[in-house]
N, C-alpha and C. Protein backbone atom coordinates (compact mmCIF):
# COMPACT_ATOMS: atom_id res chain seq x y z
N MET A 1 78.75 -1.27 -22.78
CA MET A 1 79.78 0.89 -23.24
C MET A 1 80.79 0.33 -21.97
N TYR A 2 80.48 -0.10 -20.99
CA TYR A 2 81.50 -0.85 -20.01
C TYR A 2 82.51 -0.98 -20.27
N PHE A 3 82.31 -2.30 -20.46
CA PHE A 3 82.90 -3.81 -21.22
C PHE A 3 83.81 -3.03 -22.29
N GLN A 4 83.49 -2.09 -22.98
CA GLN A 4 83.77 -2.32 -24.34
C GLN A 4 85.46 -1.88 -24.31
N ASN A 5 85.41 -0.89 -22.71
CA ASN A 5 86.79 -0.25 -22.89
C ASN A 5 87.99 -1.18 -22.30
N PHE A 6 87.94 -2.71 -21.43
CA PHE A 6 88.74 -3.14 -21.10
C PHE A 6 89.21 -4.00 -22.87
N PRO A 7 90.76 -3.47 -22.60
CA PRO A 7 91.77 -4.49 -23.73
C PRO A 7 91.13 -6.13 -24.02
N THR A 8 91.04 -5.92 -25.32
CA THR A 8 90.86 -7.80 -25.38
C THR A 8 92.55 -8.16 -25.54
N ILE A 9 92.99 -9.80 -25.36
CA ILE A 9 93.95 -10.51 -24.31
C ILE A 9 93.47 -11.28 -25.75
N ILE A 10 94.77 -12.29 -26.20
CA ILE A 10 95.09 -13.14 -27.11
C ILE A 10 94.67 -14.85 -25.44
N TYR A 11 94.40 -15.54 -25.11
CA TYR A 11 94.38 -16.67 -24.42
C TYR A 11 93.60 -17.59 -24.40
N ASP A 12 94.62 -18.72 -24.32
CA ASP A 12 94.24 -20.11 -24.37
C ASP A 12 93.71 -20.73 -23.00
N SER A 13 92.24 -20.84 -22.61
CA SER A 13 91.62 -21.13 -21.64
C SER A 13 91.62 -22.90 -21.07
N VAL A 14 91.97 -23.25 -22.50
CA VAL A 14 92.06 -24.85 -22.11
C VAL A 14 93.95 -25.18 -22.13
N GLY A 15 93.94 -24.79 -22.44
CA GLY A 15 95.48 -25.74 -22.86
C GLY A 15 95.73 -25.93 -23.58
N ASP A 16 95.41 -25.88 -24.66
CA ASP A 16 95.37 -26.16 -25.87
C ASP A 16 96.23 -26.22 -27.01
N GLY A 17 96.74 -25.14 -27.12
CA GLY A 17 96.87 -24.01 -27.77
C GLY A 17 95.68 -23.17 -29.06
N ASN A 18 95.11 -23.21 -28.36
CA ASN A 18 93.35 -23.03 -29.35
C ASN A 18 93.14 -21.84 -28.48
N PHE A 19 94.01 -20.28 -29.27
CA PHE A 19 93.95 -19.27 -28.74
C PHE A 19 92.72 -18.43 -29.16
N LYS A 20 92.11 -17.42 -28.40
CA LYS A 20 90.75 -16.44 -28.42
C LYS A 20 90.91 -15.50 -28.15
N ASP A 21 89.96 -14.79 -28.66
CA ASP A 21 90.53 -13.07 -27.81
C ASP A 21 89.50 -13.19 -26.64
N VAL A 22 89.67 -12.10 -26.29
CA VAL A 22 89.22 -12.42 -25.06
C VAL A 22 88.87 -10.83 -24.59
N LYS A 23 88.05 -10.63 -23.57
CA LYS A 23 88.50 -9.61 -23.22
C LYS A 23 89.23 -9.43 -21.71
N ASN A 24 89.68 -8.54 -20.93
CA ASN A 24 90.72 -8.45 -20.04
C ASN A 24 90.16 -8.19 -18.84
N LEU A 25 89.24 -9.02 -18.18
CA LEU A 25 88.49 -8.15 -17.01
C LEU A 25 88.75 -8.21 -15.67
N LEU A 26 90.75 -8.70 -15.61
CA LEU A 26 91.32 -8.62 -14.52
C LEU A 26 91.81 -6.92 -14.77
N ARG A 27 91.56 -6.04 -15.74
CA ARG A 27 91.79 -4.62 -15.62
C ARG A 27 91.12 -4.32 -14.80
N ARG A 28 91.66 -3.52 -13.75
CA ARG A 28 90.91 -2.25 -12.59
C ARG A 28 91.80 -0.85 -13.14
N VAL A 29 91.31 0.05 -12.69
CA VAL A 29 91.43 1.56 -12.50
C VAL A 29 90.50 1.66 -10.96
N GLY A 30 91.23 3.01 -10.63
CA GLY A 30 90.84 3.19 -9.09
C GLY A 30 90.56 4.82 -9.67
N LEU A 31 89.45 5.11 -8.77
CA LEU A 31 89.35 6.21 -8.46
C LEU A 31 90.29 7.18 -7.76
N ARG A 32 90.77 8.51 -8.19
CA ARG A 32 92.00 9.43 -8.00
C ARG A 32 90.88 9.48 -6.67
N VAL A 33 92.56 9.74 -5.44
CA VAL A 33 91.59 9.71 -4.50
C VAL A 33 91.61 11.48 -4.04
N ALA A 34 91.56 12.64 -4.92
CA ALA A 34 91.44 13.98 -4.92
C ALA A 34 89.72 13.81 -6.16
N VAL A 35 89.53 12.68 -6.57
CA VAL A 35 88.14 12.64 -7.06
C VAL A 35 86.84 12.06 -6.18
N ARG A 36 87.74 11.24 -5.83
CA ARG A 36 87.12 10.27 -4.37
C ARG A 36 86.21 11.72 -3.59
N THR A 37 87.59 11.79 -2.91
CA THR A 37 87.34 12.75 -1.42
C THR A 37 86.43 14.15 -2.34
N ASN A 38 86.65 14.44 -3.11
CA ASN A 38 85.60 15.59 -3.21
C ASN A 38 84.02 15.73 -3.47
N VAL A 39 83.95 16.19 -2.06
CA VAL A 39 82.43 15.98 -1.83
C VAL A 39 81.19 16.84 -2.97
N LEU A 40 82.19 17.74 -3.55
CA LEU A 40 81.60 18.94 -4.65
C LEU A 40 80.93 18.02 -5.77
N LEU A 41 81.87 16.85 -6.07
CA LEU A 41 80.95 16.45 -7.03
C LEU A 41 80.15 15.35 -6.92
N TYR A 42 79.65 15.12 -5.73
CA TYR A 42 78.74 13.95 -4.63
C TYR A 42 77.30 14.63 -4.70
N ASP A 43 76.43 13.65 -4.55
CA ASP A 43 74.88 13.99 -3.73
C ASP A 43 75.55 12.65 -2.55
N THR A 44 74.41 13.39 -2.00
CA THR A 44 73.87 11.30 -1.54
C THR A 44 73.05 11.07 -1.45
N TYR A 45 72.54 9.86 -1.78
CA TYR A 45 71.18 9.51 -2.01
C TYR A 45 70.88 7.89 -1.26
N ASP A 46 69.53 7.78 -0.96
CA ASP A 46 68.99 6.25 -0.21
C ASP A 46 68.42 5.83 -1.22
N VAL A 47 68.97 5.42 -1.64
CA VAL A 47 68.29 4.11 -2.08
C VAL A 47 67.23 3.74 -1.95
N LYS A 48 65.36 3.69 -2.76
CA LYS A 48 64.74 3.47 -2.60
C LYS A 48 63.98 1.59 -3.08
N GLU A 49 62.96 1.25 -2.42
CA GLU A 49 62.81 -0.06 -2.55
C GLU A 49 63.00 -0.50 -4.26
N GLY A 50 63.32 -1.77 -4.42
CA GLY A 50 63.58 -2.26 -5.74
C GLY A 50 64.24 -1.32 -6.14
N GLU A 51 64.75 -0.39 -6.26
CA GLU A 51 65.84 0.28 -7.13
C GLU A 51 67.15 -0.54 -7.45
N THR A 52 66.95 -0.28 -9.13
CA THR A 52 68.19 -1.36 -9.56
C THR A 52 69.45 0.29 -9.75
N PRO A 53 70.80 -0.13 -10.18
CA PRO A 53 71.26 0.70 -10.37
C PRO A 53 70.88 1.15 -11.67
N GLU A 54 70.34 0.70 -13.03
CA GLU A 54 69.80 0.79 -13.85
C GLU A 54 69.03 1.45 -14.00
N ILE A 55 68.53 1.90 -13.10
CA ILE A 55 66.98 2.60 -12.96
C ILE A 55 67.74 4.17 -12.29
N ILE A 56 68.77 4.01 -11.20
CA ILE A 56 68.92 5.25 -10.54
C ILE A 56 69.49 5.68 -12.08
N ALA A 57 70.64 5.28 -12.52
CA ALA A 57 70.97 5.76 -13.90
C ALA A 57 70.39 6.52 -14.83
N HIS A 58 69.06 5.77 -15.19
CA HIS A 58 68.53 6.24 -16.20
C HIS A 58 67.28 7.55 -15.42
N LYS A 59 67.23 7.62 -14.24
CA LYS A 59 66.42 8.62 -13.67
C LYS A 59 67.56 9.59 -13.79
N LEU A 60 69.22 9.44 -13.20
CA LEU A 60 69.54 10.72 -12.66
C LEU A 60 71.03 11.28 -14.45
N TYR A 61 70.86 10.29 -14.75
CA TYR A 61 71.77 10.11 -16.25
C TYR A 61 71.30 10.41 -17.56
N GLY A 62 69.70 9.62 -17.40
CA GLY A 62 69.08 9.38 -18.49
C GLY A 62 69.67 8.31 -19.32
N ASP A 63 70.12 7.45 -19.06
CA ASP A 63 71.31 5.89 -19.75
C ASP A 63 71.41 5.17 -18.67
N PRO A 64 70.68 4.33 -18.28
CA PRO A 64 70.47 2.98 -17.98
C PRO A 64 71.58 2.30 -17.89
N GLU A 65 72.75 2.48 -18.92
CA GLU A 65 73.94 1.76 -19.23
C GLU A 65 75.12 2.49 -18.23
N LEU A 66 74.93 3.78 -17.83
CA LEU A 66 75.79 4.18 -17.00
C LEU A 66 75.54 3.80 -15.42
N HIS A 67 75.40 2.60 -15.33
CA HIS A 67 74.58 2.11 -14.23
C HIS A 67 76.53 2.06 -13.26
N TRP A 68 76.95 1.53 -14.52
CA TRP A 68 78.92 0.67 -13.49
C TRP A 68 79.28 2.06 -12.96
N VAL A 69 78.61 3.49 -13.94
CA VAL A 69 79.29 4.72 -12.99
C VAL A 69 78.99 4.29 -11.54
N ILE A 70 77.49 4.18 -10.78
CA ILE A 70 77.35 4.12 -9.55
C ILE A 70 78.03 3.10 -8.54
N LEU A 71 78.50 2.08 -9.31
CA LEU A 71 78.86 1.14 -8.96
C LEU A 71 79.93 1.27 -8.68
N MET A 72 81.04 1.97 -9.69
CA MET A 72 82.42 2.35 -9.47
C MET A 72 82.21 3.29 -8.15
N ILE A 73 81.67 4.66 -8.08
CA ILE A 73 81.77 4.83 -7.07
C ILE A 73 81.31 5.06 -5.10
N ASN A 74 80.60 3.99 -5.80
CA ASN A 74 80.65 3.39 -4.25
C ASN A 74 81.44 2.19 -3.94
N ASN A 75 82.54 2.08 -5.07
CA ASN A 75 82.80 0.98 -4.71
C ASN A 75 82.17 -0.72 -4.51
N VAL A 76 81.17 -0.69 -5.29
CA VAL A 76 80.21 -2.05 -4.90
C VAL A 76 80.96 -3.17 -6.08
N THR A 77 81.11 -4.58 -5.86
CA THR A 77 82.03 -5.11 -7.40
C THR A 77 80.72 -6.76 -6.65
N ASP A 78 80.10 -6.75 -5.39
CA ASP A 78 78.71 -7.73 -5.69
C ASP A 78 77.90 -6.88 -4.86
N ARG A 79 76.82 -6.96 -5.91
CA ARG A 79 75.23 -6.93 -6.29
C ARG A 79 74.47 -7.49 -5.26
N PHE A 80 74.83 -8.65 -4.54
CA PHE A 80 73.83 -9.63 -3.73
C PHE A 80 74.81 -8.53 -2.42
N HIS A 81 75.70 -8.98 -2.33
CA HIS A 81 75.89 -8.29 -1.04
C HIS A 81 76.28 -6.25 -0.34
N GLN A 82 76.25 -6.21 -1.76
CA GLN A 82 77.22 -4.61 -1.24
C GLN A 82 75.73 -3.31 -1.62
N TRP A 83 75.01 -4.17 -2.19
CA TRP A 83 73.33 -3.01 -2.67
C TRP A 83 72.40 -3.88 -2.02
N PRO A 84 70.87 -2.79 -1.60
CA PRO A 84 70.50 -2.92 -0.80
C PRO A 84 69.44 -4.31 -1.63
N LEU A 85 68.67 -4.42 -0.63
CA LEU A 85 67.72 -5.96 -0.51
C LEU A 85 66.64 -5.54 -1.02
N SER A 86 65.74 -5.80 -1.73
CA SER A 86 64.37 -5.70 -2.03
C SER A 86 63.98 -6.40 -0.46
N THR A 87 62.38 -6.68 0.10
CA THR A 87 61.82 -6.81 1.21
C THR A 87 61.84 -8.34 1.03
N PRO A 88 61.00 -8.47 -0.02
CA PRO A 88 60.89 -10.35 -0.29
C PRO A 88 62.67 -11.24 -0.24
N GLN A 89 64.05 -9.95 -1.12
CA GLN A 89 65.08 -10.63 -1.12
C GLN A 89 65.81 -10.27 0.10
N PHE A 90 65.59 -9.71 1.44
CA PHE A 90 65.74 -9.11 2.76
C PHE A 90 65.11 -10.58 3.14
N LEU A 91 63.42 -10.43 3.54
CA LEU A 91 62.90 -11.99 4.00
C LEU A 91 63.40 -13.06 3.90
N ASP A 92 64.27 -13.94 2.33
CA ASP A 92 64.30 -14.41 2.56
C ASP A 92 66.04 -14.93 2.89
N PHE A 93 66.46 -13.34 2.90
CA PHE A 93 68.59 -13.70 3.26
C PHE A 93 68.49 -14.10 4.30
N ILE A 94 67.60 -13.66 5.54
CA ILE A 94 67.87 -13.36 6.90
C ILE A 94 66.99 -14.97 7.05
N ASN A 95 66.13 -15.12 6.76
CA ASN A 95 65.72 -16.48 7.03
C ASN A 95 66.48 -17.69 6.34
N ASP A 96 67.77 -17.55 5.38
CA ASP A 96 68.54 -18.37 5.17
C ASP A 96 69.43 -18.55 5.77
N LYS A 97 69.79 -17.17 6.19
CA LYS A 97 71.52 -16.87 7.37
C LYS A 97 71.00 -17.26 8.10
N TYR A 98 69.88 -17.46 9.52
CA TYR A 98 69.61 -17.43 10.56
C TYR A 98 68.31 -18.21 11.12
N SER A 99 68.80 -19.49 11.78
CA SER A 99 67.73 -19.95 12.23
C SER A 99 66.54 -19.21 13.59
N ASN A 100 66.76 -18.43 13.89
CA ASN A 100 66.39 -17.36 14.20
C ASN A 100 66.99 -16.08 14.13
N PRO A 101 66.13 -16.04 13.05
CA PRO A 101 65.93 -14.00 13.00
C PRO A 101 66.00 -13.24 14.03
N ASP A 102 65.09 -13.55 14.63
CA ASP A 102 64.08 -12.74 15.50
C ASP A 102 65.76 -13.06 16.77
N GLY A 103 66.61 -13.45 16.96
CA GLY A 103 67.25 -14.03 17.96
C GLY A 103 67.98 -12.95 18.95
N ILE A 104 69.04 -12.70 18.95
CA ILE A 104 69.59 -11.70 19.97
C ILE A 104 71.53 -11.60 18.93
N HIS A 105 71.52 -11.18 18.61
CA HIS A 105 72.84 -11.08 17.42
C HIS A 105 73.54 -10.80 18.56
N HIS A 106 73.88 -9.09 18.93
CA HIS A 106 74.49 -8.44 19.98
C HIS A 106 73.70 -7.66 20.89
N TYR A 107 74.49 -7.25 21.95
CA TYR A 107 73.99 -5.42 22.71
C TYR A 107 75.02 -4.44 22.59
N GLU A 108 74.05 -4.04 22.68
CA GLU A 108 74.53 -2.52 22.06
C GLU A 108 74.36 -1.59 23.73
N VAL A 109 75.18 -0.73 23.68
CA VAL A 109 75.42 0.29 24.74
C VAL A 109 75.79 1.60 24.52
N ALA A 110 74.93 3.11 24.38
CA ALA A 110 75.34 4.13 24.38
C ALA A 110 77.08 4.44 24.41
N GLN A 111 77.91 4.90 23.96
CA GLN A 111 79.33 5.04 24.27
C GLN A 111 79.45 5.90 25.60
N SER A 112 79.99 6.53 26.35
CA SER A 112 79.60 7.46 26.92
C SER A 112 80.67 8.46 27.19
N SER A 113 81.46 8.92 26.60
CA SER A 113 81.96 10.49 26.49
C SER A 113 82.49 10.49 24.07
N GLY A 114 82.80 11.51 24.25
CA GLY A 114 82.99 12.03 22.69
C GLY A 114 81.22 11.87 22.14
N ASN A 115 81.30 11.78 21.20
CA ASN A 115 79.97 11.14 20.15
C ASN A 115 79.30 9.91 20.75
N ILE A 116 77.53 10.56 22.29
CA ILE A 116 77.38 9.57 22.43
C ILE A 116 76.17 8.99 22.03
N LYS A 117 75.84 8.96 20.82
CA LYS A 117 75.17 8.61 19.79
C LYS A 117 75.78 7.72 18.93
N THR A 118 77.12 7.32 19.36
CA THR A 118 77.84 6.17 18.42
C THR A 118 77.69 5.02 19.59
N LYS A 119 77.38 4.17 18.85
CA LYS A 119 76.82 2.93 19.82
C LYS A 119 77.61 1.77 19.77
N ILE A 120 78.12 1.06 21.09
CA ILE A 120 79.67 0.19 20.88
C ILE A 120 79.00 -1.61 21.24
N GLU A 121 79.18 -2.50 20.47
CA GLU A 121 79.19 -3.45 20.09
C GLU A 121 78.96 -4.80 21.12
N ILE A 122 78.50 -5.43 21.87
CA ILE A 122 78.88 -6.26 23.19
C ILE A 122 78.71 -7.25 22.91
N PHE A 123 79.73 -8.14 22.92
CA PHE A 123 79.25 -9.90 22.45
C PHE A 123 79.88 -10.24 23.48
N ASN A 124 79.08 -11.13 24.32
CA ASN A 124 79.95 -11.66 25.06
C ASN A 124 78.92 -13.32 25.69
N GLU A 125 79.75 -14.86 25.24
CA GLU A 125 78.57 -15.84 25.29
C GLU A 125 79.10 -16.04 26.97
N VAL A 126 79.93 -15.25 27.61
CA VAL A 126 80.07 -16.46 29.36
C VAL A 126 79.27 -15.87 29.89
N ASP A 127 79.28 -14.47 30.15
CA ASP A 127 78.34 -14.30 31.65
C ASP A 127 77.32 -13.09 31.31
N SER A 128 75.94 -13.99 31.47
CA SER A 128 74.80 -13.29 31.21
C SER A 128 74.26 -11.90 32.13
N ASP A 129 74.99 -11.76 33.18
CA ASP A 129 75.40 -10.61 33.63
C ASP A 129 76.13 -10.07 32.94
N ALA A 130 76.83 -9.53 32.65
CA ALA A 130 77.39 -8.79 31.40
C ALA A 130 76.35 -7.97 31.05
N TYR A 131 75.10 -8.72 30.47
CA TYR A 131 74.35 -7.86 29.50
C TYR A 131 72.89 -6.33 30.24
N THR A 132 73.62 -6.72 31.65
CA THR A 132 72.27 -6.14 33.06
C THR A 132 72.09 -4.48 32.15
N GLY A 133 71.83 -3.35 31.49
CA GLY A 133 71.37 -2.14 31.33
C GLY A 133 71.63 -2.21 29.83
N LEU A 134 72.10 -3.35 28.86
CA LEU A 134 71.95 -3.42 27.59
C LEU A 134 71.09 -3.38 26.95
N THR A 135 71.35 -2.83 25.29
CA THR A 135 70.19 -2.87 24.27
C THR A 135 70.35 -4.40 23.49
N PRO A 136 69.57 -5.14 24.07
CA PRO A 136 69.83 -5.96 22.96
C PRO A 136 69.33 -6.04 21.57
N ILE A 137 69.96 -6.66 20.13
CA ILE A 137 69.84 -5.68 18.95
C ILE A 137 70.04 -7.60 18.38
N THR A 138 68.32 -7.23 17.60
CA THR A 138 67.93 -8.65 17.70
C THR A 138 68.89 -8.63 15.83
N ASN A 139 68.83 -10.54 15.16
CA ASN A 139 69.63 -10.61 14.21
C ASN A 139 68.93 -9.93 13.44
N ARG A 140 67.17 -9.67 13.07
CA ARG A 140 66.33 -9.00 12.12
C ARG A 140 67.27 -7.04 12.21
N GLU A 141 67.12 -6.77 13.02
CA GLU A 141 67.48 -5.47 13.31
C GLU A 141 68.92 -5.49 13.00
N TYR A 142 69.95 -6.15 13.77
CA TYR A 142 71.58 -5.91 12.56
C TYR A 142 71.45 -5.93 11.14
N GLU A 143 70.71 -6.75 10.47
CA GLU A 143 71.12 -6.87 9.25
C GLU A 143 69.82 -5.65 8.61
N GLU A 144 69.00 -5.17 9.38
CA GLU A 144 67.93 -4.14 8.70
C GLU A 144 68.88 -2.58 8.79
N ASN A 145 69.44 -2.41 10.32
CA ASN A 145 70.67 -1.52 10.09
C ASN A 145 72.23 -1.88 8.87
N ARG A 146 71.85 -2.89 8.77
CA ARG A 146 73.17 -2.84 7.87
C ARG A 146 72.80 -2.86 5.92
N GLN A 147 71.31 -2.98 5.67
CA GLN A 147 70.43 -2.73 4.53
C GLN A 147 70.29 -1.05 4.85
N ASP A 148 70.16 -0.66 5.55
CA ASP A 148 70.51 1.34 5.97
C ASP A 148 71.18 1.83 5.39
N ASP A 149 72.50 1.03 6.34
CA ASP A 149 73.80 1.78 5.67
C ASP A 149 74.18 1.36 4.19
N ILE A 150 73.91 0.88 3.57
CA ILE A 150 74.26 0.20 2.23
C ILE A 150 73.29 1.32 1.25
N ARG A 151 72.27 1.71 1.99
CA ARG A 151 70.77 1.83 0.86
C ARG A 151 71.38 3.47 0.68
N GLN A 152 72.80 4.15 1.21
CA GLN A 152 73.10 5.73 1.50
C GLN A 152 74.28 5.10 0.19
N ILE A 153 73.58 5.79 -0.76
CA ILE A 153 74.96 5.54 -1.73
C ILE A 153 74.90 7.10 -1.84
N ARG A 154 76.45 7.31 -2.95
CA ARG A 154 77.05 8.75 -3.46
C ARG A 154 76.70 8.75 -4.74
N LEU A 155 76.21 9.71 -6.00
CA LEU A 155 75.62 9.81 -6.76
C LEU A 155 76.64 10.77 -7.57
N ILE A 156 77.86 11.04 -8.38
CA ILE A 156 78.60 11.60 -9.11
C ILE A 156 77.14 13.40 -9.78
N ASP A 157 77.43 14.35 -9.60
CA ASP A 157 76.33 15.45 -10.11
C ASP A 157 76.44 14.72 -11.88
N PRO A 158 75.24 14.84 -12.45
CA PRO A 158 75.23 14.79 -13.62
C PRO A 158 76.35 16.13 -14.35
N THR A 159 76.38 16.80 -14.05
CA THR A 159 77.18 17.55 -14.92
C THR A 159 78.30 17.13 -15.02
N TYR A 160 79.22 15.93 -14.31
CA TYR A 160 80.63 15.31 -14.42
C TYR A 160 80.87 14.43 -14.84
N VAL A 161 78.97 13.49 -15.13
CA VAL A 161 79.46 12.44 -15.53
C VAL A 161 80.45 11.63 -16.97
N GLY A 162 80.11 13.16 -17.94
CA GLY A 162 80.47 12.73 -19.20
C GLY A 162 81.85 13.02 -18.63
N GLN A 163 82.53 13.69 -18.00
CA GLN A 163 84.27 14.60 -17.64
C GLN A 163 84.89 12.50 -16.94
N PHE A 164 83.88 12.24 -16.09
CA PHE A 164 84.16 10.90 -15.62
C PHE A 164 84.78 9.48 -16.32
N VAL A 165 83.35 9.28 -17.19
CA VAL A 165 83.24 8.76 -18.46
C VAL A 165 84.38 8.96 -19.04
N SER A 166 84.91 9.90 -19.32
CA SER A 166 85.86 10.33 -20.80
C SER A 166 87.24 9.71 -19.73
N GLU A 167 87.31 10.08 -18.31
CA GLU A 167 88.46 9.64 -17.57
C GLU A 167 88.95 8.41 -17.19
N PHE A 168 87.62 7.48 -17.07
CA PHE A 168 87.39 6.11 -16.87
C PHE A 168 88.51 5.73 -18.80
N GLU A 169 87.63 5.85 -19.36
CA GLU A 169 88.27 5.37 -20.49
C GLU A 169 89.66 5.39 -21.20
N THR A 170 89.97 6.78 -21.04
CA THR A 170 91.69 7.18 -20.90
C THR A 170 92.82 6.11 -19.85
N LEU A 171 92.26 6.00 -18.54
CA LEU A 171 92.91 5.71 -17.40
C LEU A 171 92.85 3.84 -18.05
N MET A 172 91.20 3.51 -18.84
CA MET A 172 91.61 2.02 -19.64
C MET A 172 92.84 1.56 -20.52
N LYS A 173 92.88 2.60 -21.21
CA LYS A 173 93.92 2.02 -22.51
C LYS A 173 95.38 2.93 -22.35
N GLU A 174 95.35 3.51 -21.26
CA GLU A 174 96.92 3.84 -20.33
C GLU A 174 97.45 2.71 -19.81
N THR A 175 96.66 2.45 -19.07
CA THR A 175 97.76 1.61 -18.15
C THR A 175 97.42 0.05 -19.18
N ALA A 176 98.82 -0.96 -17.78
CA ALA A 176 99.49 -1.55 -18.55
C ALA A 176 98.49 -2.93 -18.77
N ILE A 177 98.63 -3.82 -19.90
CA ILE A 177 98.01 -5.18 -19.51
C ILE A 177 98.21 -5.50 -18.91
């Protein structure tokens, strides 16, 4: 469904004069600022363990093929790094990335003015005394916090998904190759 909207171009991938019809995967359209910032069109959602965009699209829109709408609205271009990992995937990821997942990633201190819930990350490899009174954050905690941030997505209200798809199709046809 998603790729059928991409234009077909004639392309010689090898340079031997043997041209083939291929989909122009470099074609992109973006959400209009008015659409991206209109909070009335969206609900926030916490992705549950093991949920994929296809599962969410099926539950919300009745069509798993509309997974691309969820990815586009949330500006997800890399499902491995920008979509929440399952627990086994997460454990594999941190064990591959860090020699010591429970080692210190950085330290944090609460901001002392303004929004005191905001944490300031402190990186200092020179002076260990600088960490007195700061909260150590392990590699595992850092990556878990990143996963929690990624887990919060926006979903377009099902009432507007048909209009969103129509607008996408129109924009794909209008833009130059």
